Amino acid sequence: MRNNRFIYANPDKCIGCINCELACSASHMGLDIDTVYEMALQGKEIAPSRNKVLKVDGKTAPMQCMQCPDAPCLEGCPVDIIKFEDGYVKYYETDCIGCTSCDMVCPYGAVVMAANIKPDAPVSQMVALTCDLCGGENGKQACINICPTDAIALIDYEQFDMMMEKRA
């Protein structure tokens, strides 16, 4: 069993500001968050965020890939564009055929199907996007770095289990 790292959001600290969504888009566009924010205000197209702030029972938190140890998306992909590399589940988006298999098997609903807008991509339909931990390197996660309440952290399943035991 893999001890994958993933983004954990504490709903007791999250204020629903969506800075994490904007930071995610900015990170994947290679732009700063202020530029992406202005683009969004002007109605310009921005990269889809790989997380989505949800509100459930009065609490908010971003939903994103949980980097499942058994990774059903990896097993369900018919073209093998999803790999376990460098301690996380990595999607090779430019080779995605848009079949939605990963989306259908994700137990968290964390796969975003988005229009493939990359000019050099071999396909032109929808592609699967999910949290890629901003490349998997510690300290590089845009959503963590922008969160004003420190509600978001990069943890592994061992840390998650300990947190859940303390809550119980």
N, C-alpha and C. Protein backbone atom coordinates (compact mmCIF):
# COMPACT_ATOMS: atom_id res chain seq x y z
N MET A 1 0.84 -1.19 0.00
CA MET A 1 0.00 0.00 0.00
C MET A 1 0.88 1.25 0.00
N ARG A 2 0.58 2.16 -0.89
CA ARG A 2 1.36 3.39 -0.99
C ARG A 2 0.91 4.39 0.09
N ASN A 3 1.85 5.15 0.60
CA ASN A 3 1.54 6.20 1.55
C ASN A 3 1.61 7.54 0.83
N ASN A 4 0.70 7.76 -0.10
CA ASN A 4 0.70 8.95 -0.94
C ASN A 4 0.48 10.22 -0.11
N ARG A 5 1.05 11.30 -0.59
CA ARG A 5 0.78 12.63 -0.04
C ARG A 5 -0.41 13.21 -0.79
N PHE A 6 -1.20 14.02 -0.10
CA PHE A 6 -2.34 14.66 -0.72
C PHE A 6 -2.64 15.96 0.01
N ILE A 7 -3.48 16.78 -0.60
CA ILE A 7 -3.88 18.04 -0.01
C ILE A 7 -5.05 17.79 0.93
N TYR A 8 -4.90 18.21 2.17
CA TYR A 8 -5.98 18.10 3.15
C TYR A 8 -6.46 19.51 3.48
N ALA A 9 -7.76 19.69 3.47
CA ALA A 9 -8.35 20.99 3.82
C ALA A 9 -9.20 20.83 5.08
N ASN A 10 -8.91 21.64 6.07
CA ASN A 10 -9.65 21.60 7.33
C ASN A 10 -10.89 22.48 7.19
N PRO A 11 -12.08 21.88 7.18
CA PRO A 11 -13.30 22.67 7.00
C PRO A 11 -13.59 23.61 8.18
N ASP A 12 -12.96 23.37 9.32
CA ASP A 12 -13.15 24.26 10.47
C ASP A 12 -12.38 25.57 10.29
N LYS A 13 -11.39 25.57 9.39
CA LYS A 13 -10.59 26.77 9.14
C LYS A 13 -10.92 27.44 7.81
N CYS A 14 -11.47 26.71 6.87
CA CYS A 14 -11.74 27.24 5.52
C CYS A 14 -12.86 28.27 5.59
N ILE A 15 -12.64 29.41 4.92
CA ILE A 15 -13.64 30.47 4.88
C ILE A 15 -14.32 30.58 3.51
N GLY A 16 -14.00 29.68 2.59
CA GLY A 16 -14.64 29.66 1.28
C GLY A 16 -14.26 30.79 0.36
N CYS A 17 -13.07 31.34 0.51
CA CYS A 17 -12.66 32.53 -0.26
C CYS A 17 -12.33 32.23 -1.72
N ILE A 18 -12.15 31.01 -2.10
CA ILE A 18 -11.75 30.48 -3.42
C ILE A 18 -10.38 30.93 -3.89
N ASN A 19 -9.56 31.47 -3.00
CA ASN A 19 -8.18 31.80 -3.38
C ASN A 19 -7.45 30.55 -3.87
N CYS A 20 -7.76 29.40 -3.29
CA CYS A 20 -7.09 28.16 -3.70
C CYS A 20 -7.44 27.80 -5.14
N GLU A 21 -8.69 28.04 -5.54
CA GLU A 21 -9.09 27.77 -6.92
C GLU A 21 -8.33 28.69 -7.89
N LEU A 22 -8.30 29.97 -7.56
CA LEU A 22 -7.59 30.93 -8.42
C LEU A 22 -6.10 30.64 -8.48
N ALA A 23 -5.51 30.28 -7.33
CA ALA A 23 -4.08 29.97 -7.29
C ALA A 23 -3.77 28.74 -8.12
N CYS A 24 -4.67 27.78 -8.11
CA CYS A 24 -4.49 26.56 -8.91
C CYS A 24 -4.49 26.92 -10.40
N SER A 25 -5.48 27.69 -10.81
CA SER A 25 -5.54 28.12 -12.21
C SER A 25 -4.29 28.89 -12.60
N ALA A 26 -3.89 29.84 -11.74
CA ALA A 26 -2.71 30.66 -12.01
C ALA A 26 -1.47 29.79 -12.16
N SER A 27 -1.31 28.84 -11.26
CA SER A 27 -0.15 27.95 -11.28
C SER A 27 -0.05 27.19 -12.60
N HIS A 28 -1.20 26.69 -13.08
CA HIS A 28 -1.19 25.91 -14.30
C HIS A 28 -1.16 26.76 -15.57
N MET A 29 -1.35 28.06 -15.41
CA MET A 29 -1.23 28.97 -16.54
C MET A 29 0.14 29.65 -16.56
N GLY A 30 0.92 29.48 -15.48
CA GLY A 30 2.22 30.13 -15.38
C GLY A 30 2.09 31.63 -15.16
N LEU A 31 0.99 32.03 -14.52
CA LEU A 31 0.74 33.44 -14.25
C LEU A 31 0.61 33.68 -12.75
N ASP A 32 0.66 34.94 -12.34
CA ASP A 32 0.44 35.24 -10.93
C ASP A 32 -1.06 35.33 -10.66
N ILE A 33 -1.43 35.18 -9.41
CA ILE A 33 -2.85 35.13 -9.05
C ILE A 33 -3.58 36.42 -9.36
N ASP A 34 -2.92 37.57 -9.22
CA ASP A 34 -3.56 38.85 -9.51
C ASP A 34 -3.97 38.94 -10.98
N THR A 35 -3.12 38.47 -11.86
CA THR A 35 -3.43 38.48 -13.29
C THR A 35 -4.62 37.58 -13.59
N VAL A 36 -4.63 36.39 -13.01
CA VAL A 36 -5.74 35.45 -13.24
C VAL A 36 -7.04 36.00 -12.65
N TYR A 37 -6.95 36.63 -11.50
CA TYR A 37 -8.14 37.23 -10.89
C TYR A 37 -8.72 38.31 -11.81
N GLU A 38 -7.87 39.15 -12.35
CA GLU A 38 -8.32 40.19 -13.28
C GLU A 38 -8.92 39.58 -14.54
N MET A 39 -8.29 38.53 -15.05
CA MET A 39 -8.82 37.85 -16.23
C MET A 39 -10.22 37.30 -15.95
N ALA A 40 -10.40 36.68 -14.78
CA ALA A 40 -11.70 36.13 -14.41
C ALA A 40 -12.75 37.23 -14.30
N LEU A 41 -12.38 38.36 -13.71
CA LEU A 41 -13.31 39.49 -13.59
C LEU A 41 -13.72 40.03 -14.95
N GLN A 42 -12.80 39.96 -15.91
CA GLN A 42 -13.06 40.47 -17.26
C GLN A 42 -13.77 39.43 -18.14
N GLY A 43 -14.02 38.26 -17.59
CA GLY A 43 -14.70 37.21 -18.34
C GLY A 43 -13.80 36.47 -19.31
N LYS A 44 -12.50 36.64 -19.16
CA LYS A 44 -11.56 35.94 -20.03
C LYS A 44 -11.40 34.49 -19.57
N GLU A 45 -11.04 33.64 -20.50
CA GLU A 45 -10.87 32.22 -20.19
C GLU A 45 -9.62 32.01 -19.34
N ILE A 46 -9.80 31.26 -18.25
CA ILE A 46 -8.67 30.87 -17.42
C ILE A 46 -8.64 29.36 -17.35
N ALA A 47 -7.50 28.81 -17.00
CA ALA A 47 -7.37 27.36 -16.87
C ALA A 47 -8.31 26.87 -15.79
N PRO A 48 -8.93 25.72 -16.01
CA PRO A 48 -9.82 25.19 -14.97
C PRO A 48 -9.02 24.84 -13.72
N SER A 49 -9.61 25.15 -12.59
CA SER A 49 -8.98 24.80 -11.32
C SER A 49 -9.10 23.30 -11.12
N ARG A 50 -8.10 22.70 -10.51
CA ARG A 50 -8.12 21.27 -10.23
C ARG A 50 -8.66 21.00 -8.84
N ASN A 51 -9.19 22.04 -8.21
CA ASN A 51 -9.91 21.89 -6.95
C ASN A 51 -11.17 22.72 -7.04
N LYS A 52 -12.12 22.42 -6.20
CA LYS A 52 -13.38 23.14 -6.21
C LYS A 52 -13.85 23.31 -4.78
N VAL A 53 -14.04 24.57 -4.37
CA VAL A 53 -14.52 24.81 -3.01
C VAL A 53 -16.00 24.46 -2.95
N LEU A 54 -16.31 23.57 -2.02
CA LEU A 54 -17.69 23.11 -1.83
C LEU A 54 -18.19 23.53 -0.46
N LYS A 55 -19.49 23.72 -0.37
CA LYS A 55 -20.11 24.03 0.91
C LYS A 55 -21.08 22.90 1.24
N VAL A 56 -20.87 22.27 2.39
CA VAL A 56 -21.72 21.17 2.84
C VAL A 56 -22.02 21.39 4.32
N ASP A 57 -23.28 21.35 4.65
CA ASP A 57 -23.71 21.53 6.05
C ASP A 57 -23.09 22.76 6.70
N GLY A 58 -23.02 23.85 5.96
CA GLY A 58 -22.52 25.11 6.50
C GLY A 58 -21.02 25.24 6.58
N LYS A 59 -20.29 24.23 6.14
CA LYS A 59 -18.82 24.28 6.16
C LYS A 59 -18.31 24.25 4.74
N THR A 60 -17.16 24.90 4.53
CA THR A 60 -16.56 24.93 3.20
C THR A 60 -15.17 24.31 3.23
N ALA A 61 -14.78 23.77 2.11
CA ALA A 61 -13.42 23.23 1.93
C ALA A 61 -13.23 22.88 0.46
N PRO A 62 -12.00 23.01 -0.03
CA PRO A 62 -11.77 22.60 -1.42
C PRO A 62 -11.72 21.08 -1.53
N MET A 63 -12.36 20.57 -2.57
CA MET A 63 -12.31 19.14 -2.88
C MET A 63 -11.30 18.97 -3.99
N GLN A 64 -10.36 18.09 -3.79
CA GLN A 64 -9.39 17.78 -4.83
C GLN A 64 -8.91 16.35 -4.67
N CYS A 65 -8.10 15.91 -5.56
CA CYS A 65 -7.63 14.53 -5.58
C CYS A 65 -7.04 14.12 -4.24
N MET A 66 -7.49 13.00 -3.74
CA MET A 66 -7.01 12.47 -2.46
C MET A 66 -5.82 11.54 -2.65
N GLN A 67 -5.32 11.41 -3.86
CA GLN A 67 -4.13 10.59 -4.13
C GLN A 67 -4.29 9.20 -3.50
N CYS A 68 -5.40 8.56 -3.81
CA CYS A 68 -5.75 7.26 -3.22
C CYS A 68 -4.60 6.26 -3.28
N PRO A 69 -4.34 5.56 -2.19
CA PRO A 69 -3.28 4.55 -2.21
C PRO A 69 -3.51 3.46 -3.26
N ASP A 70 -4.78 3.10 -3.49
CA ASP A 70 -5.07 2.07 -4.48
C ASP A 70 -5.40 2.67 -5.85
N ALA A 71 -5.53 3.99 -5.95
CA ALA A 71 -5.72 4.77 -7.18
C ALA A 71 -6.61 4.08 -8.22
N PRO A 72 -7.93 4.05 -7.99
CA PRO A 72 -8.81 3.43 -8.97
C PRO A 72 -8.72 4.10 -10.34
N CYS A 73 -8.38 5.39 -10.38
CA CYS A 73 -8.25 6.08 -11.68
C CYS A 73 -7.10 5.48 -12.48
N LEU A 74 -6.02 5.16 -11.80
CA LEU A 74 -4.85 4.57 -12.45
C LEU A 74 -5.21 3.22 -13.06
N GLU A 75 -5.93 2.43 -12.28
CA GLU A 75 -6.32 1.10 -12.76
C GLU A 75 -7.37 1.17 -13.86
N GLY A 76 -8.21 2.23 -13.83
CA GLY A 76 -9.30 2.33 -14.79
C GLY A 76 -8.94 2.98 -16.11
N CYS A 77 -7.77 3.57 -16.21
CA CYS A 77 -7.40 4.27 -17.43
C CYS A 77 -7.02 3.28 -18.54
N PRO A 78 -7.76 3.30 -19.66
CA PRO A 78 -7.47 2.33 -20.72
C PRO A 78 -6.24 2.65 -21.56
N VAL A 79 -5.72 3.88 -21.46
CA VAL A 79 -4.57 4.25 -22.28
C VAL A 79 -3.32 4.50 -21.45
N ASP A 80 -3.39 4.20 -20.15
CA ASP A 80 -2.21 4.23 -19.28
C ASP A 80 -1.54 5.61 -19.20
N ILE A 81 -2.37 6.68 -19.11
CA ILE A 81 -1.80 8.02 -18.99
C ILE A 81 -1.71 8.45 -17.52
N ILE A 82 -2.15 7.59 -16.62
CA ILE A 82 -2.10 7.89 -15.19
C ILE A 82 -1.08 6.95 -14.57
N LYS A 83 -0.11 7.53 -13.88
CA LYS A 83 1.00 6.76 -13.32
C LYS A 83 1.22 7.13 -11.86
N PHE A 84 1.80 6.23 -11.10
CA PHE A 84 2.26 6.56 -9.76
C PHE A 84 3.75 6.84 -9.88
N GLU A 85 4.10 8.12 -9.69
CA GLU A 85 5.50 8.54 -9.82
C GLU A 85 5.86 9.55 -8.75
N ASP A 86 7.04 9.45 -8.22
CA ASP A 86 7.57 10.44 -7.27
C ASP A 86 6.65 10.67 -6.08
N GLY A 87 5.96 9.63 -5.64
CA GLY A 87 5.13 9.72 -4.44
C GLY A 87 3.73 10.28 -4.66
N TYR A 88 3.29 10.40 -5.89
CA TYR A 88 1.92 10.84 -6.13
C TYR A 88 1.40 10.29 -7.45
N VAL A 89 0.07 10.36 -7.60
CA VAL A 89 -0.60 9.92 -8.82
C VAL A 89 -0.50 11.06 -9.83
N LYS A 90 0.09 10.77 -10.97
CA LYS A 90 0.34 11.80 -11.98
C LYS A 90 -0.44 11.48 -13.26
N TYR A 91 -1.16 12.48 -13.77
CA TYR A 91 -1.89 12.38 -15.02
C TYR A 91 -1.04 12.99 -16.13
N TYR A 92 -0.89 12.29 -17.22
CA TYR A 92 -0.24 12.84 -18.41
C TYR A 92 -1.36 13.35 -19.32
N GLU A 93 -1.79 14.56 -19.01
CA GLU A 93 -3.00 15.14 -19.60
C GLU A 93 -2.95 15.27 -21.11
N THR A 94 -1.81 15.58 -21.66
CA THR A 94 -1.74 15.80 -23.10
C THR A 94 -2.01 14.52 -23.89
N ASP A 95 -1.93 13.36 -23.26
CA ASP A 95 -2.21 12.10 -23.94
C ASP A 95 -3.59 11.54 -23.62
N CYS A 96 -4.37 12.28 -22.83
CA CYS A 96 -5.70 11.84 -22.44
C CYS A 96 -6.62 11.79 -23.66
N ILE A 97 -7.44 10.73 -23.75
CA ILE A 97 -8.38 10.60 -24.87
C ILE A 97 -9.80 11.04 -24.50
N GLY A 98 -9.99 11.48 -23.27
CA GLY A 98 -11.28 12.00 -22.85
C GLY A 98 -12.36 10.96 -22.64
N CYS A 99 -11.99 9.74 -22.31
CA CYS A 99 -12.97 8.65 -22.18
C CYS A 99 -13.81 8.73 -20.90
N THR A 100 -13.38 9.47 -19.91
CA THR A 100 -14.02 9.68 -18.60
C THR A 100 -13.95 8.48 -17.66
N SER A 101 -13.17 7.47 -18.00
CA SER A 101 -13.05 6.31 -17.11
C SER A 101 -12.56 6.70 -15.73
N CYS A 102 -11.56 7.57 -15.66
CA CYS A 102 -11.02 7.99 -14.37
C CYS A 102 -12.06 8.75 -13.57
N ASP A 103 -12.82 9.58 -14.25
CA ASP A 103 -13.88 10.36 -13.61
C ASP A 103 -14.94 9.43 -13.02
N MET A 104 -15.30 8.40 -13.75
CA MET A 104 -16.34 7.47 -13.30
C MET A 104 -15.92 6.66 -12.08
N VAL A 105 -14.63 6.33 -11.96
CA VAL A 105 -14.20 5.48 -10.85
C VAL A 105 -13.67 6.25 -9.65
N CYS A 106 -13.51 7.57 -9.76
CA CYS A 106 -12.99 8.36 -8.65
C CYS A 106 -14.00 8.37 -7.51
N PRO A 107 -13.64 7.86 -6.33
CA PRO A 107 -14.59 7.81 -5.22
C PRO A 107 -14.87 9.18 -4.61
N TYR A 108 -14.09 10.19 -4.97
CA TYR A 108 -14.26 11.53 -4.40
C TYR A 108 -14.84 12.53 -5.39
N GLY A 109 -15.00 12.15 -6.64
CA GLY A 109 -15.48 13.10 -7.63
C GLY A 109 -14.48 14.21 -7.88
N ALA A 110 -13.21 13.89 -7.79
CA ALA A 110 -12.15 14.90 -7.85
C ALA A 110 -11.53 15.07 -9.23
N VAL A 111 -12.06 14.39 -10.23
CA VAL A 111 -11.55 14.54 -11.59
C VAL A 111 -12.40 15.58 -12.31
N VAL A 112 -11.75 16.54 -12.93
CA VAL A 112 -12.42 17.58 -13.70
C VAL A 112 -12.25 17.24 -15.18
N MET A 113 -13.36 17.12 -15.88
CA MET A 113 -13.28 16.94 -17.32
C MET A 113 -13.38 18.33 -17.94
N ALA A 114 -12.36 18.72 -18.68
CA ALA A 114 -12.30 20.07 -19.24
C ALA A 114 -11.96 20.01 -20.72
N ALA A 115 -12.32 21.06 -21.42
CA ALA A 115 -12.00 21.14 -22.84
C ALA A 115 -10.49 21.17 -23.00
N ASN A 116 -9.99 20.38 -23.92
CA ASN A 116 -8.56 20.34 -24.20
C ASN A 116 -8.21 21.55 -25.05
N ILE A 117 -7.54 22.52 -24.41
CA ILE A 117 -7.22 23.77 -25.12
C ILE A 117 -5.75 23.89 -25.48
N LYS A 118 -4.99 22.83 -25.24
CA LYS A 118 -3.56 22.89 -25.57
C LYS A 118 -3.37 22.69 -27.07
N PRO A 119 -2.73 23.63 -27.74
CA PRO A 119 -2.60 23.54 -29.20
C PRO A 119 -1.79 22.35 -29.69
N ASP A 120 -0.87 21.84 -28.88
CA ASP A 120 -0.03 20.73 -29.32
C ASP A 120 -0.58 19.37 -28.87
N ALA A 121 -1.75 19.36 -28.25
CA ALA A 121 -2.33 18.10 -27.77
C ALA A 121 -2.80 17.25 -28.95
N PRO A 122 -2.63 15.92 -28.83
CA PRO A 122 -3.00 15.05 -29.94
C PRO A 122 -4.51 14.84 -30.09
N VAL A 123 -5.29 15.28 -29.11
CA VAL A 123 -6.74 15.13 -29.18
C VAL A 123 -7.39 16.49 -28.93
N SER A 124 -8.62 16.64 -29.37
CA SER A 124 -9.26 17.94 -29.25
C SER A 124 -10.50 17.93 -28.35
N GLN A 125 -10.86 16.79 -27.80
CA GLN A 125 -12.05 16.72 -26.97
C GLN A 125 -11.71 17.00 -25.50
N MET A 126 -12.53 16.53 -24.61
CA MET A 126 -12.33 16.72 -23.18
C MET A 126 -11.11 15.93 -22.69
N VAL A 127 -10.48 16.49 -21.67
CA VAL A 127 -9.37 15.80 -21.02
C VAL A 127 -9.60 15.79 -19.52
N ALA A 128 -9.02 14.81 -18.86
CA ALA A 128 -9.14 14.67 -17.41
C ALA A 128 -8.07 15.52 -16.74
N LEU A 129 -8.50 16.30 -15.75
CA LEU A 129 -7.59 17.08 -14.94
C LEU A 129 -7.85 16.75 -13.48
N THR A 130 -6.81 16.69 -12.70
CA THR A 130 -6.97 16.50 -11.27
C THR A 130 -5.77 17.12 -10.57
N CYS A 131 -5.88 17.28 -9.27
CA CYS A 131 -4.79 17.89 -8.52
C CYS A 131 -3.50 17.11 -8.78
N ASP A 132 -2.48 17.83 -9.20
CA ASP A 132 -1.19 17.20 -9.46
C ASP A 132 -0.15 17.64 -8.43
N LEU A 133 -0.64 18.17 -7.31
CA LEU A 133 0.23 18.64 -6.22
C LEU A 133 1.25 19.65 -6.74
N CYS A 134 0.88 20.37 -7.79
CA CYS A 134 1.79 21.35 -8.41
C CYS A 134 3.16 20.74 -8.69
N GLY A 135 3.14 19.54 -9.21
CA GLY A 135 4.38 18.85 -9.55
C GLY A 135 4.90 17.95 -8.46
N GLY A 136 4.22 17.90 -7.34
CA GLY A 136 4.58 16.97 -6.27
C GLY A 136 5.70 17.41 -5.35
N GLU A 137 6.32 18.54 -5.64
CA GLU A 137 7.45 18.99 -4.83
C GLU A 137 6.96 19.75 -3.59
N ASN A 138 7.42 19.34 -2.43
CA ASN A 138 7.02 20.00 -1.18
C ASN A 138 7.25 21.49 -1.26
N GLY A 139 6.28 22.27 -0.76
CA GLY A 139 6.41 23.71 -0.72
C GLY A 139 5.99 24.43 -1.97
N LYS A 140 5.65 23.70 -3.03
CA LYS A 140 5.29 24.32 -4.31
C LYS A 140 3.77 24.38 -4.52
N GLN A 141 2.98 23.88 -3.60
CA GLN A 141 1.55 23.80 -3.79
C GLN A 141 0.92 25.19 -3.67
N ALA A 142 0.40 25.66 -4.79
CA ALA A 142 -0.15 27.02 -4.87
C ALA A 142 -1.31 27.22 -3.90
N CYS A 143 -2.16 26.22 -3.75
CA CYS A 143 -3.32 26.37 -2.87
C CYS A 143 -2.91 26.53 -1.41
N ILE A 144 -1.89 25.81 -0.99
CA ILE A 144 -1.40 25.91 0.39
C ILE A 144 -0.79 27.28 0.62
N ASN A 145 0.02 27.71 -0.33
CA ASN A 145 0.74 28.97 -0.19
C ASN A 145 -0.17 30.19 -0.16
N ILE A 146 -1.36 30.11 -0.75
CA ILE A 146 -2.25 31.27 -0.83
C ILE A 146 -3.30 31.29 0.28
N CYS A 147 -3.55 30.19 0.93
CA CYS A 147 -4.65 30.09 1.90
C CYS A 147 -4.44 31.06 3.07
N PRO A 148 -5.38 32.02 3.27
CA PRO A 148 -5.20 33.02 4.32
C PRO A 148 -5.42 32.49 5.74
N THR A 149 -6.03 31.32 5.87
CA THR A 149 -6.33 30.78 7.21
C THR A 149 -5.53 29.53 7.54
N ASP A 150 -4.59 29.17 6.68
CA ASP A 150 -3.79 27.94 6.86
C ASP A 150 -4.69 26.71 7.00
N ALA A 151 -5.77 26.69 6.24
CA ALA A 151 -6.70 25.57 6.28
C ALA A 151 -6.22 24.39 5.45
N ILE A 152 -5.22 24.60 4.59
CA ILE A 152 -4.80 23.57 3.64
C ILE A 152 -3.38 23.13 3.96
N ALA A 153 -3.16 21.81 3.91
CA ALA A 153 -1.84 21.26 4.22
C ALA A 153 -1.56 20.06 3.32
N LEU A 154 -0.30 19.79 3.07
CA LEU A 154 0.14 18.60 2.35
C LEU A 154 0.46 17.54 3.41
N ILE A 155 -0.29 16.45 3.40
CA ILE A 155 -0.09 15.40 4.39
C ILE A 155 -0.05 14.05 3.69
N ASP A 156 0.28 13.01 4.45
CA ASP A 156 0.21 11.65 3.90
C ASP A 156 -0.88 10.89 4.67
N TYR A 157 -1.15 9.68 4.26
CA TYR A 157 -2.23 8.91 4.87
C TYR A 157 -1.95 8.53 6.32
N GLU A 158 -0.70 8.38 6.68
CA GLU A 158 -0.35 8.10 8.07
C GLU A 158 -0.73 9.30 8.96
N GLN A 159 -0.39 10.49 8.51
CA GLN A 159 -0.76 11.71 9.23
C GLN A 159 -2.28 11.87 9.28
N PHE A 160 -2.94 11.58 8.17
CA PHE A 160 -4.40 11.68 8.11
C PHE A 160 -5.05 10.74 9.12
N ASP A 161 -4.58 9.49 9.17
CA ASP A 161 -5.13 8.52 10.12
C ASP A 161 -4.96 8.98 11.55
N MET A 162 -3.80 9.56 11.87
CA MET A 162 -3.58 10.07 13.23
C MET A 162 -4.53 11.23 13.54
N MET A 163 -4.76 12.11 12.57
CA MET A 163 -5.69 13.22 12.78
C MET A 163 -7.10 12.71 13.02
N MET A 164 -7.52 11.71 12.26
CA MET A 164 -8.87 11.16 12.42
C MET A 164 -9.03 10.45 13.76
N GLU A 165 -7.97 9.79 14.24
CA GLU A 165 -8.03 9.13 15.54
C GLU A 165 -8.22 10.16 16.65
N LYS A 166 -7.53 11.32 16.53
CA LYS A 166 -7.65 12.37 17.55
C LYS A 166 -9.06 12.95 17.56
N ARG A 167 -9.69 13.05 16.39
CA ARG A 167 -11.05 13.59 16.30
C ARG A 167 -12.09 12.65 16.90
N ALA A 168 -11.81 11.35 16.84
CA ALA A 168 -12.80 10.35 17.29
C ALA A 168 -12.94 10.28 18.78
